[in-house]
Amino acid sequence: MNASIQTTSSSRRRFLEFVAAAGGALALTPRVPSAAPALARRPGFTKFQQRLLGPIYSNPCPFTADLKPDDAAQKKGIARALRHGIGVFAATAGNTKYATLRFDEIKHVNRVMIECVAGKALAIAATGDWDTPQAVAFARYARDIGADALQVLNPAKFRENEKDAFNHFKTVAAATKLPVILHGHFSDALLARLVTIETVQAMKEDRLLEDYVRQQIDHGKRLVIFGGGGEDRYYVAWPYGAQAYYSTYCTFAPDIPAKVWKIIQTGDIRAAAALTAKYDYPYIRTFSHSKWHATLELFGIGTRHVRPPHKVYTDAEMRELGKFFKGQGIDPAAYRD
């Protein structure tokens, strides 16, 4: 959702040639279960890394009509996803709309998520665009409320100074024994330093697809690098061992990403990609937070309301959204409790 797919023409051409080679290899064995990576039993991976697997529920932070974080809606969405076997739930600064929340609200939303997951799956808390002392305070809070891991965002003010960025992650990691997930844009040189921090175990990729593939190849035996954005990004890194990815439908129609993941595990990547092309990709292609919250209302999770600068869908827009899902063969009313 917040991952860019733009490349220069030359780098894009090299990248597509790279991917084509991998795709050709897949085409030789369209349905061979052994083609799927041995995802959950990788030598050297921690228990957390082995469980960081499959589609990820990215917390949208539902709101009530009076624009308060909606605990009931968050509980309903998580409970629905758990029923369909979704195994990872994560807050993240962008999708969870930290820019619209106060610090106390961010803490509250993370706590409610972790309490709802209640050990039935992984629950990942996340820092925001904060200075080091605030991130350290939140790291300790995440530990105290029972998070399974902490995703740490590279603050904007450190993005041009890799020494300061490294020190930020090192200091936050030292404040908690939780596994740390890197979040941000990292040069190869900085990432090579960050993986020397013992508790760094994963990374949310947020760069170009070419970078995703390269860093997965370079560090995939040390880190779980999971795909941000839509499911389509995951397929690019799948041949190189990627094992987890964001899937927006987890938040309202989790039976669909559960089916996609089940097919991926058989090695039939083409069949899985066909479902992504039918469902997730058309939705993500015109993604907005306004659309996402309108979808939550349509599927009986919460309300369409969302804090500014995001706009609330009109009734006419809601009808058009309903037509979109009808075109996918989905009846949102069938999901409502």
Protein backbone atom coordinates (compact mmCIF):
# COMPACT_ATOMS: atom_id res chain seq x y z
CA MET A 1 0.00 0.00 0.00
CA ASN A 2 2.84 2.34 0.61
CA ALA A 3 5.45 0.49 -1.43
CA SER A 4 6.60 2.06 -4.66
CA ILE A 5 6.96 0.02 -7.87
CA GLN A 6 8.52 2.69 -10.01
CA THR A 7 11.87 2.02 -11.64
CA THR A 8 14.00 3.70 -14.26
CA SER A 9 13.65 2.18 -17.72
CA SER A 10 17.10 0.58 -17.64
CA SER A 11 16.85 -0.87 -14.14
CA ARG A 12 13.31 -2.04 -14.86
CA ARG A 13 14.49 -3.82 -17.99
CA ARG A 14 17.27 -5.61 -16.10
CA PHE A 15 14.83 -6.48 -13.35
CA LEU A 16 12.22 -7.92 -15.71
CA GLU A 17 14.90 -10.06 -17.36
CA PHE A 18 15.84 -11.29 -13.88
CA VAL A 19 12.24 -12.14 -12.99
CA ALA A 20 11.62 -13.74 -16.38
CA ALA A 21 14.41 -16.20 -15.70
CA ALA A 22 12.80 -17.17 -12.40
CA GLY A 23 9.37 -17.37 -14.03
CA GLY A 24 10.72 -19.67 -16.71
CA ALA A 25 11.97 -22.05 -14.07
CA LEU A 26 8.54 -22.10 -12.45
CA ALA A 27 6.87 -22.79 -15.79
CA LEU A 28 8.78 -26.06 -16.12
CA THR A 29 7.04 -27.52 -13.06
CA PRO A 30 3.63 -25.84 -12.73
CA ARG A 31 2.40 -28.13 -9.96
CA VAL A 32 5.17 -29.73 -7.96
CA PRO A 33 4.75 -29.44 -4.18
CA SER A 34 8.51 -29.68 -3.63
CA ALA A 35 8.89 -26.43 -5.60
CA ALA A 36 7.61 -24.50 -2.59
CA PRO A 37 10.32 -23.36 -0.16
CA ALA A 38 10.58 -25.27 3.13
CA LEU A 39 9.17 -22.23 4.82
CA ALA A 40 8.48 -23.24 8.40
CA ARG A 41 11.54 -25.41 9.00
CA ARG A 42 14.48 -23.32 7.88
CA PRO A 43 17.81 -24.11 9.53
CA GLY A 44 18.93 -21.29 11.79
CA PHE A 45 15.57 -19.55 11.95
CA THR A 46 14.16 -18.74 15.38
CA LYS A 47 10.70 -19.87 16.45
CA PHE A 48 9.42 -16.37 15.73
CA GLN A 49 10.87 -16.40 12.22
CA GLN A 50 9.32 -19.80 11.53
CA ARG A 51 5.92 -18.47 12.57
CA LEU A 52 6.22 -15.27 10.51
CA LEU A 53 4.59 -17.04 7.63
CA GLY A 54 1.89 -16.50 5.02
CA PRO A 55 -0.62 -13.64 4.72
CA ILE A 56 -0.35 -10.81 7.23
CA TYR A 57 -3.32 -8.91 8.66
CA SER A 58 -2.22 -5.27 8.62
CA ASN A 59 -4.19 -3.36 11.26
CA PRO A 60 -6.32 -0.63 9.62
CA CYS A 61 -7.35 1.03 12.93
CA PRO A 62 -11.12 1.22 12.40
CA PHE A 63 -12.90 4.35 13.66
CA THR A 64 -16.32 4.98 15.13
CA ALA A 65 -18.67 7.53 13.56
CA ASP A 66 -17.32 10.12 16.01
CA LEU A 67 -13.76 9.27 14.90
CA LYS A 68 -12.54 7.43 17.96
CA PRO A 69 -10.52 4.20 17.55
CA ASP A 70 -13.16 1.50 17.34
CA ASP A 71 -12.23 -1.31 19.71
CA ALA A 72 -15.29 -3.41 18.84
CA ALA A 73 -14.54 -3.22 15.12
CA GLN A 74 -10.90 -4.11 15.67
CA LYS A 75 -11.95 -7.13 17.74
CA LYS A 76 -14.46 -8.22 15.10
CA GLY A 77 -11.94 -8.00 12.26
CA ILE A 78 -9.27 -9.90 14.15
CA ALA A 79 -11.71 -12.59 15.32
CA ARG A 80 -12.89 -13.14 11.74
CA ALA A 81 -9.31 -13.48 10.48
CA LEU A 82 -8.38 -15.88 13.29
CA ARG A 83 -11.32 -18.10 12.39
CA HIS A 84 -9.83 -18.50 8.93
CA GLY A 85 -6.37 -19.33 10.18
CA ILE A 86 -4.57 -16.04 9.56
CA GLY A 87 -1.39 -16.38 11.58
CA VAL A 88 0.17 -12.90 11.72
CA PHE A 89 -1.35 -9.60 12.88
CA ALA A 90 0.65 -6.40 12.65
CA ALA A 91 0.39 -2.73 13.37
CA THR A 92 2.38 -0.47 11.07
CA ALA A 93 2.79 3.30 11.02
CA GLY A 94 1.20 3.82 7.61
CA ASN A 95 -1.73 1.42 7.47
CA THR A 96 -2.61 1.89 11.13
CA LYS A 97 -2.66 5.63 10.43
CA TYR A 98 -0.30 6.74 13.20
CA ALA A 99 -0.15 10.21 11.64
CA THR A 100 -3.81 10.69 12.66
CA LEU A 101 -3.43 9.28 16.18
CA ARG A 102 -2.07 10.61 19.46
CA PHE A 103 0.66 8.60 21.15
CA ASP A 104 -1.74 7.32 23.81
CA GLU A 105 -4.13 6.20 21.07
CA ILE A 106 -1.34 4.37 19.25
CA LYS A 107 -0.53 2.51 22.46
CA HIS A 108 -4.19 1.69 22.94
CA VAL A 109 -4.71 0.37 19.42
CA ASN A 110 -1.65 -1.86 19.72
CA ARG A 111 -2.80 -3.16 23.11
CA VAL A 112 -6.29 -3.98 21.87
CA MET A 113 -4.82 -5.85 18.89
CA ILE A 114 -2.51 -7.91 21.08
CA GLU A 115 -5.28 -8.70 23.56
CA CYS A 116 -7.59 -9.78 20.72
CA VAL A 117 -4.99 -12.06 19.17
CA ALA A 118 -4.44 -13.51 22.65
CA GLY A 119 -1.57 -15.80 21.67
CA LYS A 120 -3.53 -17.55 18.91
CA ALA A 121 -1.23 -16.00 16.28
CA LEU A 122 1.71 -13.60 16.11
CA ALA A 123 0.97 -10.03 17.20
CA ILE A 124 3.47 -7.40 16.07
CA ALA A 125 3.53 -3.94 17.62
CA ALA A 126 5.09 -1.04 15.70
CA THR A 127 6.85 2.24 16.36
CA GLY A 128 6.16 5.43 14.46
CA ASP A 129 8.18 8.29 13.03
CA TRP A 130 9.62 9.09 16.45
CA ASP A 131 12.88 10.11 18.01
CA THR A 132 14.88 7.45 19.82
CA PRO A 133 13.64 8.06 23.40
CA GLN A 134 9.99 7.77 22.35
CA ALA A 135 10.70 4.62 20.34
CA VAL A 136 12.53 3.14 23.34
CA ALA A 137 9.57 3.92 25.60
CA PHE A 138 7.21 2.24 23.17
CA ALA A 139 9.52 -0.78 22.83
CA ARG A 140 9.28 -1.35 26.57
CA TYR A 141 5.51 -0.85 26.44
CA ALA A 142 5.22 -3.42 23.62
CA ARG A 143 7.17 -5.92 25.69
CA ASP A 144 4.97 -5.31 28.73
CA ILE A 145 1.68 -5.81 26.88
CA GLY A 146 2.78 -9.12 25.36
CA ALA A 147 3.74 -8.31 21.78
CA ASP A 148 5.55 -11.11 19.95
CA ALA A 149 7.80 -8.67 18.10
CA LEU A 150 8.41 -4.99 17.50
CA GLN A 151 8.50 -3.39 14.07
CA VAL A 152 10.77 -0.33 14.19
CA LEU A 153 10.39 2.45 11.63
CA ASN A 154 13.46 4.31 10.44
CA PRO A 155 12.62 7.92 11.43
CA ALA A 156 12.56 10.46 8.63
CA LYS A 157 15.21 12.60 10.28
CA PHE A 158 17.72 9.72 10.20
CA ARG A 159 17.17 8.64 6.60
CA GLU A 160 20.02 10.76 5.28
CA ASN A 161 22.42 9.77 8.04
CA GLU A 162 23.07 6.04 8.19
CA LYS A 163 25.19 6.28 11.32
CA ASP A 164 22.32 7.87 13.24
CA ALA A 165 19.87 5.37 11.75
CA PHE A 166 22.01 2.43 12.89
CA ASN A 167 22.34 3.88 16.37
CA HIS A 168 18.57 4.35 16.56
CA PHE A 169 17.87 0.69 15.78
CA LYS A 170 20.67 -0.50 18.06
CA THR A 171 19.36 1.56 20.98
CA VAL A 172 15.73 0.50 20.51
CA ALA A 173 16.72 -3.16 20.14
CA ALA A 174 18.73 -2.97 23.35
CA ALA A 175 15.66 -1.70 25.23
CA THR A 176 13.67 -4.88 24.66
CA LYS A 177 14.31 -8.57 24.17
CA LEU A 178 11.57 -8.74 21.54
CA PRO A 179 12.50 -9.73 17.99
CA VAL A 180 12.95 -6.56 15.94
CA ILE A 181 11.51 -6.03 12.47
CA LEU A 182 13.15 -3.36 10.34
CA HIS A 183 10.83 -0.93 8.56
CA GLY A 184 12.01 1.66 6.09
CA HIS A 185 14.36 2.26 3.19
CA PHE A 186 17.81 0.79 3.78
CA SER A 187 20.84 0.88 1.55
CA ASP A 188 22.69 -2.39 1.13
CA ALA A 189 25.50 -1.03 3.30
CA LEU A 190 23.17 -0.04 6.13
CA LEU A 191 21.24 -3.30 5.99
CA ALA A 192 24.51 -5.24 6.21
CA ARG A 193 25.22 -3.39 9.48
CA LEU A 194 21.69 -3.76 10.85
CA VAL A 195 21.72 -7.56 10.51
CA THR A 196 24.63 -7.64 12.96
CA ILE A 197 22.16 -6.63 15.70
CA GLU A 198 21.27 -10.00 17.21
CA THR A 199 17.56 -9.39 17.78
CA VAL A 200 16.91 -8.08 14.27
CA GLN A 201 15.01 -10.98 12.72
CA ALA A 202 12.82 -9.58 9.94
CA MET A 203 12.19 -6.66 7.61
CA LYS A 204 9.11 -5.13 6.04
CA GLU A 205 10.22 -4.33 2.51
CA ASP A 206 9.17 -0.90 1.34
CA ARG A 207 11.36 -0.28 -1.70
CA LEU A 208 11.49 -1.09 -5.38
CA LEU A 209 10.84 -4.66 -6.45
CA GLU A 210 14.39 -4.91 -7.69
CA ASP A 211 15.65 -4.02 -4.21
CA TYR A 212 13.27 -6.54 -2.63
CA VAL A 213 14.67 -9.37 -4.72
CA ARG A 214 18.30 -8.35 -4.21
CA GLN A 215 17.98 -7.97 -0.45
CA GLN A 216 16.02 -11.22 -0.19
CA ILE A 217 18.86 -12.99 -1.98
CA ASP A 218 21.50 -11.27 0.15
CA HIS A 219 19.82 -11.64 3.55
CA GLY A 220 16.98 -14.16 3.19
CA LYS A 221 18.85 -16.76 5.23
CA ARG A 222 19.24 -14.29 8.08
CA LEU A 223 15.98 -12.31 7.93
CA VAL A 224 12.35 -12.93 7.07
CA ILE A 225 11.73 -10.17 4.54
CA PHE A 226 8.01 -9.82 4.01
CA GLY A 227 6.24 -8.00 1.24
CA GLY A 228 4.56 -4.68 1.88
CA GLY A 229 1.87 -3.50 -0.51
CA GLY A 230 -0.24 -6.05 -2.36
CA GLU A 231 0.05 -9.81 -2.67
CA ASP A 232 1.50 -9.39 -6.18
CA ARG A 233 4.82 -8.19 -4.77
CA TYR A 234 5.27 -11.45 -2.90
CA TYR A 235 5.29 -13.57 -6.04
CA VAL A 236 8.36 -11.74 -7.31
CA ALA A 237 10.42 -12.75 -4.27
CA TRP A 238 8.82 -16.19 -3.80
CA PRO A 239 11.40 -18.06 -5.92
CA TYR A 240 14.11 -16.68 -3.65
CA GLY A 241 12.54 -17.84 -0.40
CA ALA A 242 10.13 -15.06 0.66
CA GLN A 243 7.59 -16.53 3.07
CA ALA A 244 5.21 -13.78 4.22
CA TYR A 245 3.32 -10.83 2.77
CA TYR A 246 0.63 -8.24 3.41
CA SER A 247 -2.83 -9.21 2.22
CA THR A 248 -5.54 -6.57 2.55
CA TYR A 249 -8.42 -9.05 2.22
CA CYS A 250 -7.33 -10.52 5.58
CA THR A 251 -9.07 -7.54 7.17
CA PHE A 252 -12.53 -8.17 5.72
CA ALA A 253 -12.69 -11.39 3.63
CA PRO A 254 -9.95 -13.56 5.17
CA ASP A 255 -11.19 -16.79 3.60
CA ILE A 256 -9.75 -15.57 0.28
CA PRO A 257 -6.13 -14.97 1.39
CA ALA A 258 -6.34 -18.19 3.41
CA LYS A 259 -7.19 -20.03 0.19
CA VAL A 260 -4.40 -18.28 -1.70
CA TRP A 261 -1.87 -19.28 0.97
CA LYS A 262 -3.07 -22.88 0.98
CA ILE A 263 -2.47 -23.07 -2.76
CA ILE A 264 0.96 -21.42 -2.46
CA GLN A 265 1.96 -24.14 -0.02
CA THR A 266 1.24 -26.80 -2.65
CA GLY A 267 3.73 -25.14 -5.01
CA ASP A 268 1.04 -24.25 -7.56
CA ILE A 269 2.15 -20.63 -7.76
CA ARG A 270 0.25 -19.98 -10.98
CA ALA A 271 -3.08 -20.97 -9.44
CA ALA A 272 -2.38 -18.79 -6.41
CA ALA A 273 -1.38 -15.85 -8.61
CA ALA A 274 -4.60 -16.26 -10.58
CA LEU A 275 -6.59 -15.68 -7.38
CA THR A 276 -4.47 -12.65 -6.53
CA ALA A 277 -5.10 -11.30 -10.03
CA LYS A 278 -8.84 -11.77 -9.49
CA TYR A 279 -9.16 -10.36 -5.98
CA ASP A 280 -6.28 -8.54 -4.25
CA TYR A 281 -4.60 -6.87 -7.22
CA PRO A 282 -7.67 -5.08 -8.65
CA TYR A 283 -8.47 -3.82 -5.15
CA ILE A 284 -4.93 -2.64 -4.38
CA ARG A 285 -4.58 -1.06 -7.79
CA THR A 286 -6.92 1.76 -6.72
CA PHE A 287 -6.23 1.54 -3.01
CA SER A 288 -6.93 4.37 -0.61
CA HIS A 289 -7.56 4.43 3.12
CA SER A 290 -10.99 5.88 2.39
CA LYS A 291 -11.78 2.85 0.25
CA TRP A 292 -10.42 0.47 2.87
CA HIS A 293 -12.60 1.87 5.66
CA ALA A 294 -15.63 1.92 3.38
CA THR A 295 -14.92 -1.77 2.73
CA LEU A 296 -14.86 -2.47 6.46
CA GLU A 297 -18.39 -1.07 6.69
CA LEU A 298 -19.56 -2.97 3.64
CA PHE A 299 -18.34 -6.26 5.12
CA GLY A 300 -19.79 -5.61 8.57
CA ILE A 301 -16.55 -4.93 10.44
CA GLY A 302 -16.91 -1.27 11.38
CA THR A 303 -17.82 2.10 9.91
CA ARG A 304 -16.69 3.90 6.78
CA HIS A 305 -15.47 6.80 8.92
CA VAL A 306 -11.79 7.75 8.95
CA ARG A 307 -9.91 10.74 10.26
CA PRO A 308 -8.65 13.54 7.99
CA PRO A 309 -6.83 13.96 5.70
CA HIS A 310 -8.63 10.84 4.47
CA LYS A 311 -12.14 11.38 3.12
CA VAL A 312 -15.25 9.43 4.07
CA TYR A 313 -17.02 7.61 1.25
CA THR A 314 -20.38 8.95 0.14
CA ASP A 315 -23.42 6.72 -0.27
CA ALA A 316 -22.91 6.81 -4.04
CA GLU A 317 -19.30 5.69 -3.63
CA MET A 318 -20.43 2.91 -1.32
CA ARG A 319 -22.79 1.64 -4.01
CA GLU A 320 -19.98 1.64 -6.57
CA LEU A 321 -17.77 -0.26 -4.15
CA GLY A 322 -20.51 -2.83 -3.70
CA LYS A 323 -20.62 -3.26 -7.49
CA PHE A 324 -16.86 -3.82 -7.52
CA PHE A 325 -17.16 -6.75 -5.13
CA LYS A 326 -20.18 -8.10 -6.97
CA GLY A 327 -17.99 -8.16 -10.06
CA GLN A 328 -15.55 -10.32 -8.13
CA GLY A 329 -18.35 -12.72 -7.23
CA ILE A 330 -18.32 -11.63 -3.57
CA ASP A 331 -21.40 -10.81 -1.53
CA PRO A 332 -20.26 -8.57 1.37
CA ALA A 333 -23.55 -9.20 3.19
CA ALA A 334 -22.65 -12.88 3.51
CA TYR A 335 -19.74 -11.90 5.78
CA ARG A 336 -21.75 -9.80 8.20
CA ASP A 337 -22.36 -11.30 11.61
